[in-house]
């Protein structure tokens, strides 16, 4: 009997060891066989006439700086910083030429952007060993990312990567990193419903617009810290193939978050609830880039969306001057649906699906039941109805609105509001007139400046003058002059400080706690943070008092309310 048990243990151990070896071998094979499909090409050396010289001699192009660093030239491309604070990039040519020019013109900004992003990751994952594991996981997850990104965009990203720093090669080569950053939005909002992106957008036309033409407004509520949004960039791209287009993003981002092309087609994206993906596919921003560059109608945009597989769920609001209306492409990893709206002359998009095709989808039903998306949708309905007929100034007032339904006081920075004071950018499009208004810092509170794509793409640009149209500027929000705005800045400053103190279980002066409470007294999150603070320093009675107070304030998500109630039960 003893020998049988011994033999059984021996064989079982051997089988388990074999399984471990096979599993380790399989994972190693997947890791080392991962191929991001680095383009084999190198950009041609661009030869130009000797700058500012009376000669026909040609020399290799280099970046030329005028007026300190605010105006940069590279061959036929340029980059300048507007007095509005926005960077304006004009780039042309084939994919590799565009990428090479973008990289050379913005090398310092690319370095800054990557440093901010990696520093933010280090805040979340301070351990180097965990960071190495994260790299291992990303390589496994994105092992086939290259084949899911069209060759044209891989070449453009590769061209940019040639100017990137090697400071972060422990994460991957510059090309691998830049390619992965284009999938960060997708992976971020899929993991634990992190929802880095919780945007609001709408379109009106016909009877609901002041001049009956199509008008689109959107907030891109993407937040990875204030430093990430320091260098907002408006790109004007004249590719050798497809339509010329304008887009808003950050240095190095070639995917489309918000944009309009010369045919009057607009694209904006809104995240929807996704299951945790198991492997990479085409990043949403790369799909929308393809739509903006190669589509001129809603049907053409839908056809492109149908042929690409994505690994997260997204609503893509498409506006079309040719069609004179807007529609939403609702895309999940399983299906792609065109939703034309249920109301006359307007359509609204937040973060849940609206088409009949997704009416019984479990993830979408849960999203509608538990998230703030339906609340923001209803608030947009109210605001659009109150502001008919719509014009750009009224659209800006809607995008800046921080109140709740029926003007309820939600506090500041509440996820239930249209303006959550986290927007990377806010945009208004008039496709039939080729006009677009882009917000300036802070968030969408600064002025909206107007660009006329007819002038930018069809006429010579005087680089030493402003490119935007001053007489069409929408002034900064008057809210910035109110005492409440100063309170918002205090709240924004103190929240990360308190969270750091809570993590370290450090005591905080009473005066600072009172200042924090007074900075945003209507917002539940203030009282949740204060409750968490007193929990951290082992004063449960105080903690429960603040959590109970939090429940009397508007709570953005059902899960938040349930979580606070559980904390109260635990400590009561």
Protein backbone atom coordinates (compact mmCIF):
# COMPACT_ATOMS: atom_id res chain seq x y z
CA UNK A 1 0.00 0.00 0.00
CA UNK A 2 2.84 2.34 0.91
CA UNK A 3 4.60 1.63 -2.41
CA UNK A 4 1.37 2.37 -4.36
CA UNK A 5 0.97 5.77 -2.65
CA UNK A 6 4.64 6.53 -3.25
CA UNK A 7 4.36 5.58 -6.94
CA UNK A 8 1.17 7.62 -7.33
CA UNK A 9 2.82 10.72 -5.81
CA UNK A 10 5.87 10.19 -8.04
CA UNK A 11 3.81 9.90 -11.24
CA UNK A 12 1.51 12.81 -10.27
CA UNK A 13 4.53 15.01 -9.55
CA UNK A 14 6.08 14.00 -12.86
CA UNK A 15 2.90 14.84 -14.78
CA UNK A 16 2.58 18.22 -13.01
CA UNK A 17 6.24 19.01 -13.75
CA UNK A 18 5.72 18.08 -17.40
CA UNK A 19 2.64 20.33 -17.57
CA UNK A 20 4.62 23.22 -16.03
CA UNK A 21 7.44 22.71 -18.57
CA UNK A 22 4.95 22.58 -21.49
CA UNK A 23 3.12 25.67 -20.21
CA UNK A 24 6.38 27.60 -19.67
CA UNK A 25 7.58 26.50 -23.09
CA UNK A 26 4.32 27.60 -24.70
CA UNK A 27 4.39 31.01 -23.02
CA UNK A 28 8.06 31.45 -23.94
CA UNK A 29 7.30 30.58 -27.56
CA UNK A 30 4.42 33.11 -27.64
CA UNK A 31 6.62 35.77 -26.04
CA UNK A 32 9.71 35.33 -28.23
CA UNK A 33 7.71 34.81 -31.42
CA UNK A 34 5.74 38.04 -30.93
CA UNK A 35 6.13 40.17 -34.04
CA UNK A 36 5.15 43.86 -34.16
CA UNK A 37 6.03 43.83 -37.87
CA UNK A 38 8.62 46.59 -37.75
CA UNK A 39 8.72 48.15 -41.23
CA UNK A 40 11.99 47.28 -43.01
CA UNK A 41 12.16 50.68 -44.73
CA UNK A 42 14.17 53.71 -43.72
CA UNK A 43 12.97 57.21 -44.67
CA UNK A 44 14.75 58.75 -47.65
CA UNK A 45 17.06 61.65 -46.93
CA UNK A 46 15.11 64.73 -47.98
CA UNK A 47 17.20 67.18 -49.98
CA UNK A 48 16.22 70.84 -49.98
CA UNK A 49 17.61 74.09 -51.37
CA UNK A 50 20.03 75.81 -49.01
CA UNK A 51 17.69 77.83 -46.76
CA UNK A 52 17.83 81.62 -47.18
CA UNK A 53 20.67 81.43 -49.70
CA UNK A 54 20.78 82.56 -53.31
CA UNK A 55 21.95 79.22 -54.70
CA UNK A 56 20.57 76.05 -56.29
CA UNK A 57 22.67 73.78 -54.07
CA UNK A 58 20.79 71.02 -52.24
CA UNK A 59 21.47 69.90 -48.67
CA UNK A 60 19.83 67.31 -46.38
CA UNK A 61 16.73 68.77 -44.71
CA UNK A 62 16.94 69.57 -41.03
CA UNK A 63 14.60 71.16 -38.54
CA UNK A 64 14.83 74.94 -38.61
CA UNK A 65 13.67 77.02 -35.67
CA UNK A 66 12.36 80.55 -35.97
CA UNK A 67 11.15 82.81 -33.15
CA UNK A 68 12.79 80.57 -30.52
CA UNK A 69 11.04 77.15 -30.49
CA UNK A 70 7.55 78.28 -31.40
CA UNK A 71 7.93 77.87 -35.17
CA UNK A 72 9.65 74.86 -36.70
CA UNK A 73 10.19 73.88 -40.36
CA UNK A 74 11.21 70.55 -41.84
CA UNK A 75 11.16 70.47 -45.67
CA UNK A 76 7.50 71.14 -46.62
CA UNK A 77 6.22 70.51 -43.08
CA UNK A 78 5.94 72.84 -40.12
CA UNK A 79 4.90 73.01 -36.50
CA UNK A 80 4.05 76.14 -34.53
CA UNK A 81 2.61 77.07 -31.16
CA UNK A 82 -0.41 79.34 -31.34
CA UNK A 83 -0.90 82.15 -28.85
CA UNK A 84 -3.90 80.06 -27.74
CA UNK A 85 -1.48 77.47 -26.33
CA UNK A 86 -2.35 74.83 -28.96
CA UNK A 87 0.40 73.24 -31.04
CA UNK A 88 -0.43 73.28 -34.77
CA UNK A 89 1.23 70.68 -37.00
CA UNK A 90 1.06 70.63 -40.80
CA UNK A 91 2.42 67.45 -42.39
CA UNK A 92 2.23 65.96 -45.89
CA UNK A 93 3.52 63.08 -48.03
CA UNK A 94 3.49 59.30 -47.87
CA UNK A 95 3.36 57.39 -44.59
CA UNK A 96 7.10 57.20 -43.91
CA UNK A 97 7.63 60.83 -44.93
CA UNK A 98 4.83 61.96 -42.61
CA UNK A 99 6.13 59.94 -39.68
CA UNK A 100 9.71 61.11 -40.21
CA UNK A 101 8.55 64.75 -40.30
CA UNK A 102 6.31 64.39 -37.22
CA UNK A 103 9.16 62.82 -35.25
CA UNK A 104 11.76 65.40 -36.24
CA UNK A 105 9.44 68.37 -35.64
CA UNK A 106 8.24 67.21 -32.24
CA UNK A 107 11.08 65.11 -30.72
CA UNK A 108 11.11 67.14 -27.50
CA UNK A 109 7.31 66.96 -27.17
CA UNK A 110 7.34 63.20 -27.82
CA UNK A 111 9.86 62.78 -25.01
CA UNK A 112 7.75 64.89 -22.64
CA UNK A 113 4.55 63.02 -23.55
CA UNK A 114 6.14 59.63 -23.00
CA UNK A 115 7.73 60.69 -19.72
CA UNK A 116 4.36 61.90 -18.40
CA UNK A 117 2.70 58.64 -19.47
CA UNK A 118 5.37 56.38 -17.97
CA UNK A 119 5.51 58.46 -14.76
CA UNK A 120 1.75 57.98 -14.42
CA UNK A 121 2.19 54.22 -14.82
CA UNK A 122 4.91 54.33 -12.16
CA UNK A 123 2.46 56.10 -9.82
CA UNK A 124 0.09 53.15 -10.22
CA UNK A 125 2.80 50.46 -10.38
CA UNK A 126 5.88 51.72 -8.45
CA UNK A 127 7.64 48.33 -8.44
CA UNK A 128 10.22 47.70 -11.20
CA UNK A 129 9.53 43.96 -11.07
CA UNK A 130 5.81 44.59 -11.64
CA UNK A 131 6.68 46.94 -14.51
CA UNK A 132 8.77 44.17 -16.09
CA UNK A 133 5.84 41.80 -15.68
CA UNK A 134 3.58 44.43 -17.26
CA UNK A 135 5.91 44.57 -20.26
CA UNK A 136 5.82 40.75 -20.46
CA UNK A 137 2.01 40.81 -20.36
CA UNK A 138 1.76 43.56 -23.00
CA UNK A 139 4.10 41.68 -25.34
CA UNK A 140 1.97 38.54 -24.97
CA UNK A 141 -1.31 40.41 -25.34
CA UNK A 142 -0.21 42.54 -28.28
CA UNK A 143 1.93 39.88 -29.97
CA UNK A 144 -0.14 40.15 -33.15
CA UNK A 145 -0.82 43.89 -32.96
CA UNK A 146 1.37 44.62 -35.98
CA UNK A 147 -0.71 42.56 -38.37
CA UNK A 148 -3.87 44.31 -37.13
CA UNK A 149 -2.54 47.78 -37.96
CA UNK A 150 -2.54 48.62 -41.69
CA UNK A 151 0.95 48.86 -43.20
CA UNK A 152 0.51 52.57 -43.96
CA UNK A 153 0.02 53.43 -40.29
CA UNK A 154 2.79 51.09 -39.11
CA UNK A 155 5.16 52.97 -41.41
CA UNK A 156 3.97 56.34 -40.10
CA UNK A 157 4.40 55.21 -36.48
CA UNK A 158 7.82 53.77 -37.34
CA UNK A 159 8.88 57.11 -38.86
CA UNK A 160 7.87 58.87 -35.63
CA UNK A 161 9.69 56.29 -33.47
CA UNK A 162 13.03 57.11 -35.13
CA UNK A 163 12.99 60.40 -33.18
CA UNK A 164 11.87 58.89 -29.84
CA UNK A 165 14.05 58.58 -26.76
CA UNK A 166 15.77 55.36 -25.73
CA UNK A 167 15.18 56.15 -22.03
CA UNK A 168 12.28 53.68 -21.94
CA UNK A 169 13.73 50.78 -23.92
CA UNK A 170 13.08 48.56 -20.89
CA UNK A 171 9.42 48.74 -21.97
CA UNK A 172 10.22 48.01 -25.62
CA UNK A 173 11.89 49.52 -28.66
CA UNK A 174 10.68 53.02 -29.61
CA UNK A 175 8.61 51.51 -32.45
CA UNK A 176 7.05 48.85 -30.20
CA UNK A 177 6.22 51.47 -27.57
CA UNK A 178 4.63 53.88 -30.02
CA UNK A 179 2.56 51.09 -31.56
CA UNK A 180 1.42 49.91 -28.12
CA UNK A 181 0.49 53.45 -27.05
CA UNK A 182 -2.06 53.49 -29.87
CA UNK A 183 -3.75 50.51 -28.19
CA UNK A 184 -3.55 51.97 -24.65
CA UNK A 185 -7.01 53.58 -24.90
CA UNK A 186 -8.57 50.22 -25.77
CA UNK A 187 -6.79 48.18 -23.09
CA UNK A 188 -7.30 50.90 -20.48
CA UNK A 189 -11.07 51.18 -20.77
CA UNK A 190 -11.50 47.40 -21.03
CA UNK A 191 -9.56 46.55 -17.85
CA UNK A 192 -11.92 46.66 -14.89
CA UNK A 193 -14.10 49.17 -16.76
CA UNK A 194 -11.37 51.71 -16.00
CA UNK A 195 -13.15 54.10 -18.37
CA UNK A 196 -10.36 56.56 -19.01
CA UNK A 197 -12.74 57.78 -21.68
CA UNK A 198 -16.32 58.72 -20.71
CA UNK A 199 -17.24 61.20 -23.40
CA UNK A 200 -20.41 63.05 -24.37
CA UNK A 201 -21.28 64.12 -27.93
CA UNK A 202 -24.26 65.22 -30.02
CA UNK A 203 -25.24 66.38 -33.51
CA UNK A 204 -28.10 68.55 -34.77
CA UNK A 205 -29.19 69.46 -38.30
CA UNK A 206 -32.28 70.55 -40.22
CA UNK A 207 -34.95 72.09 -37.98
CA UNK A 208 -32.78 71.83 -34.84
CA UNK A 209 -29.84 73.89 -36.18
CA UNK A 210 -29.90 77.67 -36.55
CA UNK A 211 -28.92 77.60 -40.24
CA UNK A 212 -30.23 74.03 -40.84
CA UNK A 213 -26.68 72.75 -41.47
CA UNK A 214 -25.05 69.91 -39.56
CA UNK A 215 -23.42 70.86 -36.24
CA UNK A 216 -21.54 68.46 -33.95
CA UNK A 217 -20.26 69.00 -30.39
CA UNK A 218 -18.13 66.66 -28.32
CA UNK A 219 -16.13 66.44 -25.07
CA UNK A 220 -13.20 64.00 -25.08
CA UNK A 221 -13.03 63.13 -21.38
CA UNK A 222 -9.69 61.33 -21.38
CA UNK A 223 -7.68 61.83 -18.19
CA UNK A 224 -4.21 60.55 -17.32
CA UNK A 225 -3.23 63.55 -15.21
CA UNK A 226 -3.12 67.26 -16.04
CA UNK A 227 0.45 67.07 -17.36
CA UNK A 228 -0.64 64.71 -20.14
CA UNK A 229 -2.85 67.45 -21.62
CA UNK A 230 -0.24 70.22 -21.47
CA UNK A 231 0.64 69.91 -25.16
CA UNK A 232 -2.65 69.66 -27.02
CA UNK A 233 -2.02 69.33 -30.74
CA UNK A 234 -4.12 70.15 -33.80
CA UNK A 235 -2.80 68.23 -36.82
CA UNK A 236 -3.48 69.21 -40.42
CA UNK A 237 -2.53 66.25 -42.60
CA UNK A 238 -2.25 66.14 -46.40
CA UNK A 239 -1.53 62.45 -47.11
CA UNK A 240 -0.38 61.29 -50.55
CA UNK A 241 -3.44 58.98 -50.59
CA UNK A 242 -6.95 59.72 -49.35
CA UNK A 243 -8.52 62.93 -48.04
CA UNK A 244 -6.77 65.77 -46.25
CA UNK A 245 -7.95 66.03 -42.66
CA UNK A 246 -7.60 67.82 -39.33
CA UNK A 247 -7.51 66.06 -35.96
CA UNK A 248 -7.02 66.88 -32.28
CA UNK A 249 -4.81 64.82 -29.98
CA UNK A 250 -1.27 64.90 -28.54
CA UNK A 251 2.26 64.60 -29.96
CA UNK A 252 2.89 61.20 -31.55
CA UNK A 253 -0.81 60.26 -31.76
CA UNK A 254 -1.69 59.46 -35.38
CA UNK A 255 -4.99 57.75 -34.49
CA UNK A 256 -8.19 59.80 -34.60
CA UNK A 257 -9.99 60.81 -31.42
CA UNK A 258 -11.79 63.81 -32.96
CA UNK A 259 -11.37 64.93 -36.55
CA UNK A 260 -12.82 66.27 -39.82
CA UNK A 261 -11.69 65.74 -43.42
CA UNK A 262 -11.89 67.95 -46.51
CA UNK A 263 -15.01 66.09 -47.70
CA UNK A 264 -16.86 67.25 -44.56
CA UNK A 265 -16.81 63.89 -42.77
CA UNK A 266 -16.29 64.01 -39.00
CA UNK A 267 -15.31 61.25 -36.59
CA UNK A 268 -15.47 61.17 -32.77
CA UNK A 269 -15.25 58.17 -30.43
CA UNK A 270 -17.11 57.28 -27.21
CA UNK A 271 -16.11 54.23 -25.15
CA UNK A 272 -18.74 51.58 -24.36
CA UNK A 273 -18.67 48.74 -21.84
CA UNK A 274 -16.33 45.93 -22.88
CA UNK A 275 -15.42 42.50 -21.67
CA UNK A 276 -11.74 41.96 -20.84
CA UNK A 277 -10.09 41.26 -24.22
CA UNK A 278 -8.00 38.13 -24.63
CA UNK A 279 -5.89 39.27 -27.58
CA UNK A 280 -5.20 42.39 -29.58
CA UNK A 281 -7.00 43.52 -32.71
CA UNK A 282 -7.19 46.85 -34.55
CA UNK A 283 -7.05 49.77 -32.07
CA UNK A 284 -10.15 51.97 -32.29
CA UNK A 285 -8.15 55.13 -33.02
CA UNK A 286 -6.44 53.42 -35.97
CA UNK A 287 -9.82 52.31 -37.35
CA UNK A 288 -11.17 55.86 -37.05
CA UNK A 289 -8.01 57.21 -38.71
CA UNK A 290 -8.72 54.94 -41.70
CA UNK A 291 -12.33 56.16 -41.79
CA UNK A 292 -11.34 59.84 -41.69
CA UNK A 293 -8.66 59.43 -44.36
CA UNK A 294 -10.66 57.29 -46.79
CA UNK A 295 -14.41 57.91 -46.28
CA UNK A 296 -16.63 60.79 -47.40
CA UNK A 297 -20.09 59.44 -46.48
CA UNK A 298 -21.69 57.54 -43.60
CA UNK A 299 -22.02 54.40 -45.76
CA UNK A 300 -18.33 54.49 -46.70
CA UNK A 301 -17.38 54.91 -43.03
CA UNK A 302 -19.60 51.98 -42.05
CA UNK A 303 -18.04 49.76 -44.73
CA UNK A 304 -14.55 50.44 -43.36
CA UNK A 305 -15.72 49.78 -39.77
CA UNK A 306 -17.22 46.43 -40.84
CA UNK A 307 -13.99 45.09 -42.29
CA UNK A 308 -11.87 45.69 -39.18
CA UNK A 309 -12.00 43.59 -35.99
CA UNK A 310 -11.59 45.54 -32.75
CA UNK A 311 -11.05 44.20 -29.23
CA UNK A 312 -13.18 46.71 -27.32
CA UNK A 313 -16.64 48.21 -27.71
CA UNK A 314 -17.00 51.75 -29.00
CA UNK A 315 -19.58 54.19 -30.35
CA UNK A 316 -18.24 56.14 -33.34
CA UNK A 317 -20.24 59.28 -34.13
CA UNK A 318 -19.97 60.03 -37.87
CA UNK A 319 -21.06 63.40 -39.25
CA UNK A 320 -21.32 63.82 -43.02
CA UNK A 321 -21.69 67.04 -45.04
CA UNK A 322 -22.61 64.98 -48.11
CA UNK A 323 -25.40 63.21 -46.21
CA UNK A 324 -26.39 66.32 -44.28
CA UNK A 325 -26.77 64.33 -41.05
CA UNK A 326 -24.97 62.20 -38.47
CA UNK A 327 -25.16 58.55 -37.41
CA UNK A 328 -23.47 56.28 -34.87
CA UNK A 329 -21.47 53.16 -35.68
CA UNK A 330 -21.89 50.88 -32.67
CA UNK A 331 -18.99 48.43 -32.74
CA UNK A 332 -18.15 45.54 -30.45
CA UNK A 333 -15.72 42.64 -30.98
CA UNK A 334 -18.71 40.57 -32.14
CA UNK A 335 -20.74 42.90 -34.35
CA UNK A 336 -20.93 46.27 -36.09
CA UNK A 337 -24.23 48.16 -36.32
CA UNK A 338 -25.24 51.47 -37.91
CA UNK A 339 -27.63 53.48 -35.71
CA UNK A 340 -29.36 56.40 -37.45
CA UNK A 341 -31.11 57.76 -34.36
CA UNK A 342 -34.72 57.74 -33.21
CA UNK A 343 -35.36 61.49 -33.13
CA UNK A 344 -35.77 63.93 -35.99
CA UNK A 345 -32.75 66.08 -36.88
CA UNK A 346 -30.58 65.18 -33.89
CA UNK A 347 -28.58 62.34 -32.38
CA UNK A 348 -26.91 62.00 -28.95
CA UNK A 349 -24.01 59.75 -27.97
CA UNK A 350 -22.68 58.99 -24.48
CA UNK A 351 -21.29 55.59 -23.41
CA UNK A 352 -24.03 53.04 -24.01
CA UNK A 353 -25.49 51.52 -27.16
CA UNK A 354 -28.90 52.59 -28.45
CA UNK A 355 -29.67 50.33 -31.42
CA UNK A 356 -32.12 47.42 -31.31
CA UNK A 357 -29.23 45.08 -32.14
CA UNK A 358 -27.71 45.71 -28.69
CA UNK A 359 -31.00 46.06 -26.77
CA UNK A 360 -30.61 42.63 -25.13
CA UNK A 361 -26.83 42.59 -24.93
CA UNK A 362 -25.96 41.75 -21.30
CA UNK A 363 -22.97 44.09 -21.06
CA UNK A 364 -24.91 46.97 -22.56
CA UNK A 365 -27.91 46.33 -20.27
CA UNK A 366 -25.61 46.32 -17.24
CA UNK A 367 -23.96 49.52 -18.48
CA UNK A 368 -27.34 51.26 -18.80
CA UNK A 369 -28.40 50.03 -15.37
CA UNK A 370 -25.26 50.90 -13.41
CA UNK A 371 -23.34 53.70 -15.15
CA UNK A 372 -23.76 57.47 -15.44
CA UNK A 373 -24.12 57.27 -19.24
CA UNK A 374 -27.97 57.34 -19.34
CA UNK A 375 -28.00 60.31 -16.95
CA UNK A 376 -25.67 62.32 -19.19
CA UNK A 377 -27.75 61.30 -22.20
CA UNK A 378 -30.92 62.62 -20.54
CA UNK A 379 -29.13 65.82 -19.54
CA UNK A 380 -28.02 66.36 -23.16
CA UNK A 381 -31.64 65.89 -24.27
CA UNK A 382 -32.68 68.66 -21.85
CA UNK A 383 -29.93 71.05 -22.89
CA UNK A 384 -30.41 70.57 -26.64
CA UNK A 385 -34.17 71.10 -26.32
CA UNK A 386 -33.60 74.27 -24.27
CA UNK A 387 -31.10 75.64 -26.81
CA UNK A 388 -32.92 75.09 -30.10
CA UNK A 389 -32.08 76.06 -32.75
CA UNK A 390 -28.43 75.13 -32.19
CA UNK A 391 -25.42 77.24 -33.14
CA UNK A 392 -21.69 76.99 -32.17
CA UNK A 393 -21.99 79.36 -29.17
CA UNK A 394 -24.93 77.39 -27.75
CA UNK A 395 -23.06 74.13 -28.41
CA UNK A 396 -20.10 75.42 -26.38
CA UNK A 397 -22.41 76.34 -23.48
CA UNK A 398 -23.77 72.77 -23.47
CA UNK A 399 -20.29 71.22 -23.53
CA UNK A 400 -19.30 73.47 -20.60
CA UNK A 401 -22.38 72.72 -18.49
CA UNK A 402 -21.56 71.18 -15.09
CA UNK A 403 -25.06 71.01 -13.61
CA UNK A 404 -27.31 67.96 -13.38
CA UNK A 405 -30.79 67.36 -14.74
CA UNK A 406 -33.13 70.29 -14.12
CA UNK A 407 -29.99 72.25 -13.15
CA UNK A 408 -29.37 70.16 -10.04
CA UNK A 409 -26.17 70.95 -8.13
CA UNK A 410 -23.97 67.87 -8.59
CA UNK A 411 -20.86 69.42 -7.16
CA UNK A 412 -17.83 69.98 -9.40
CA UNK A 413 -16.09 67.23 -11.42
CA UNK A 414 -19.01 64.83 -11.07
CA UNK A 415 -19.13 62.01 -13.66
CA UNK A 416 -22.84 62.65 -14.11
CA UNK A 417 -22.16 66.09 -15.59
CA UNK A 418 -21.48 66.87 -19.25
CA UNK A 419 -18.48 68.93 -18.12
CA UNK A 420 -16.49 66.85 -15.64
CA UNK A 421 -13.46 69.18 -15.72
CA UNK A 422 -11.21 66.41 -17.05
CA UNK A 423 -11.60 66.86 -20.83
CA UNK A 424 -8.42 66.54 -22.84
CA UNK A 425 -10.20 68.57 -25.50
CA UNK A 426 -13.62 69.71 -26.64
CA UNK A 427 -14.56 70.28 -30.29
CA UNK A 428 -17.40 71.76 -32.34
CA UNK A 429 -17.69 70.95 -36.07
CA UNK A 430 -19.69 72.56 -38.88
CA UNK A 431 -18.83 70.10 -41.68
CA UNK A 432 -20.72 71.81 -44.51
CA UNK A 433 -18.76 75.02 -43.84
CA UNK A 434 -15.47 73.21 -43.12
CA UNK A 435 -15.26 74.99 -39.75
CA UNK A 436 -14.10 73.51 -36.46
CA UNK A 437 -13.72 75.06 -33.02
CA UNK A 438 -11.15 73.60 -30.62
CA UNK A 439 -11.14 74.31 -26.88
CA UNK A 440 -8.14 75.76 -25.10
CA UNK A 441 -7.03 75.10 -21.52
CA UNK A 442 -8.20 74.66 -18.89
CA UNK A 443 -10.40 71.78 -20.07
CA UNK A 444 -13.24 73.30 -22.13
CA UNK A 445 -13.32 76.48 -20.02
CA UNK A 446 -10.83 78.37 -22.16
CA UNK A 447 -11.84 80.02 -25.43
CA UNK A 448 -12.78 77.90 -28.44
CA UNK A 449 -10.73 78.96 -31.46
CA UNK A 450 -12.02 78.40 -35.00
CA UNK A 451 -10.17 76.87 -37.94
CA UNK A 452 -11.38 77.10 -41.55
CA UNK A 453 -10.16 74.00 -43.39
CA UNK A 454 -11.00 75.64 -46.73
CA UNK A 455 -8.28 78.22 -46.05
CA UNK A 456 -5.80 75.83 -44.48
CA UNK A 457 -5.91 73.15 -47.18
CA UNK A 458 -6.49 75.29 -50.26
CA UNK A 459 -4.47 78.46 -49.69
CA UNK A 460 -0.95 79.35 -48.60
CA UNK A 461 -0.60 79.82 -44.84
CA UNK A 462 1.15 82.87 -43.40
CA UNK A 463 3.03 81.10 -40.62
CA UNK A 464 3.95 84.20 -38.66
CA UNK A 465 0.25 85.11 -38.32
CA UNK A 466 -2.33 83.09 -36.42
CA UNK A 467 -3.93 80.29 -38.45
CA UNK A 468 -7.24 80.40 -36.60
CA UNK A 469 -10.05 82.88 -37.42
CA UNK A 470 -10.10 85.48 -34.56
CA UNK A 471 -13.55 86.88 -35.36
CA UNK A 472 -15.12 83.42 -34.89
CA UNK A 473 -13.56 82.83 -31.45
CA UNK A 474 -16.01 81.72 -28.73
CA UNK A 475 -14.92 83.56 -25.54
CA UNK A 476 -13.71 81.75 -22.42
CA UNK A 477 -16.35 80.50 -20.00
CA UNK A 478 -17.55 83.20 -17.60
CA UNK A 479 -17.49 80.52 -14.90
CA UNK A 480 -13.72 81.09 -14.69
CA UNK A 481 -14.42 84.50 -13.12
CA UNK A 482 -16.58 83.06 -10.34
CA UNK A 483 -15.38 82.12 -6.82
CA UNK A 484 -16.58 78.55 -7.48
CA UNK A 485 -13.86 78.15 -10.12
CA UNK A 486 -11.18 78.92 -7.53
CA UNK A 487 -12.80 76.31 -5.29
CA UNK A 488 -12.56 73.81 -8.15
CA UNK A 489 -8.83 74.48 -8.49
CA UNK A 490 -8.42 73.94 -4.73
CA UNK A 491 -10.33 70.65 -4.96
CA UNK A 492 -8.17 69.55 -7.91
CA UNK A 493 -4.99 70.43 -6.00
CA UNK A 494 -5.92 68.80 -2.69
CA UNK A 495 -7.48 65.53 -3.90
CA UNK A 496 -4.22 63.86 -5.08
CA UNK A 497 -2.43 65.18 -1.98
CA UNK A 498 -5.01 63.59 0.34
CA UNK A 499 -5.01 60.32 -1.62
CA UNK A 500 -1.24 60.12 -1.18
CA UNK A 501 -1.57 60.79 2.58
CA UNK A 502 -4.28 58.12 2.85
CA UNK A 503 -2.03 55.58 1.12
CA UNK A 504 0.79 56.39 3.55
CA UNK A 505 -1.65 56.54 6.53
CA UNK A 506 -0.25 59.96 7.46
CA UNK A 507 -2.09 62.52 9.59
CA UNK A 508 -3.30 65.74 7.97
CA UNK A 509 -3.90 69.12 9.59
CA UNK A 510 -7.56 69.83 10.45
CA UNK A 511 -7.36 73.14 8.59
CA UNK A 512 -6.49 71.35 5.34
CA UNK A 513 -9.35 68.87 5.79
CA UNK A 514 -11.80 71.73 6.34
CA UNK A 515 -10.43 73.54 3.28
CA UNK A 516 -10.94 70.37 1.23
CA UNK A 517 -14.54 69.93 2.42
CA UNK A 518 -15.31 73.58 1.66
CA UNK A 519 -13.81 73.35 -1.84
CA UNK A 520 -16.56 71.11 -3.23
CA UNK A 521 -19.32 70.66 -0.62
CA UNK A 522 -21.95 69.25 -3.01
CA UNK A 523 -19.83 66.42 -4.42
CA UNK A 524 -20.06 62.98 -2.80
CA UNK A 525 -16.44 62.12 -3.61
CA UNK A 526 -15.12 64.74 -1.14
CA UNK A 527 -16.87 62.93 1.72
CA UNK A 528 -15.78 59.52 0.49
CA UNK A 529 -12.16 60.68 0.48
CA UNK A 530 -12.54 62.18 3.97
CA UNK A 531 -14.13 58.93 5.17
CA UNK A 532 -11.25 56.95 3.67
CA UNK A 533 -8.81 59.26 5.43
CA UNK A 534 -10.34 58.68 8.86
CA UNK A 535 -10.51 54.94 8.16
CA UNK A 536 -6.77 55.01 7.33
CA UNK A 537 -5.90 56.70 10.65
CA UNK A 538 -8.16 54.26 12.55
CA UNK A 539 -11.07 56.54 13.44
CA UNK A 540 -14.04 54.50 12.14
CA UNK A 541 -16.70 56.66 13.81
CA UNK A 542 -15.51 59.74 11.94
CA UNK A 543 -15.18 57.70 8.73
CA UNK A 544 -18.77 56.42 8.91
CA UNK A 545 -20.03 59.96 9.49
CA UNK A 546 -18.44 61.20 6.28
CA UNK A 547 -19.55 58.16 4.27
CA UNK A 548 -23.14 58.70 5.40
CA UNK A 549 -22.83 62.31 4.29
CA UNK A 550 -21.54 61.10 0.91
CA UNK A 551 -24.75 59.12 0.40
CA UNK A 552 -26.80 62.31 0.65
CA UNK A 553 -24.95 63.72 -2.39
CA UNK A 554 -25.48 62.72 -6.05
CA UNK A 555 -23.58 59.46 -6.64
CA UNK A 556 -22.39 58.88 -10.23
CA UNK A 557 -22.58 55.08 -10.37
CA UNK A 558 -24.73 52.51 -8.61
CA UNK A 559 -21.59 50.52 -7.77
CA UNK A 560 -20.16 53.55 -5.92
CA UNK A 561 -23.26 53.80 -3.72
CA UNK A 562 -23.17 50.07 -2.97
CA UNK A 563 -19.46 50.23 -2.14
CA UNK A 564 -19.94 53.11 0.31
CA UNK A 565 -22.87 51.30 1.96
CA UNK A 566 -20.67 48.22 2.41
CA UNK A 567 -18.00 50.36 4.09
CA UNK A 568 -20.59 51.79 6.47
CA UNK A 569 -21.84 48.30 7.39
CA UNK A 570 -18.27 47.07 7.91
CA UNK A 571 -17.37 49.86 10.35
CA UNK A 572 -20.68 50.49 12.11
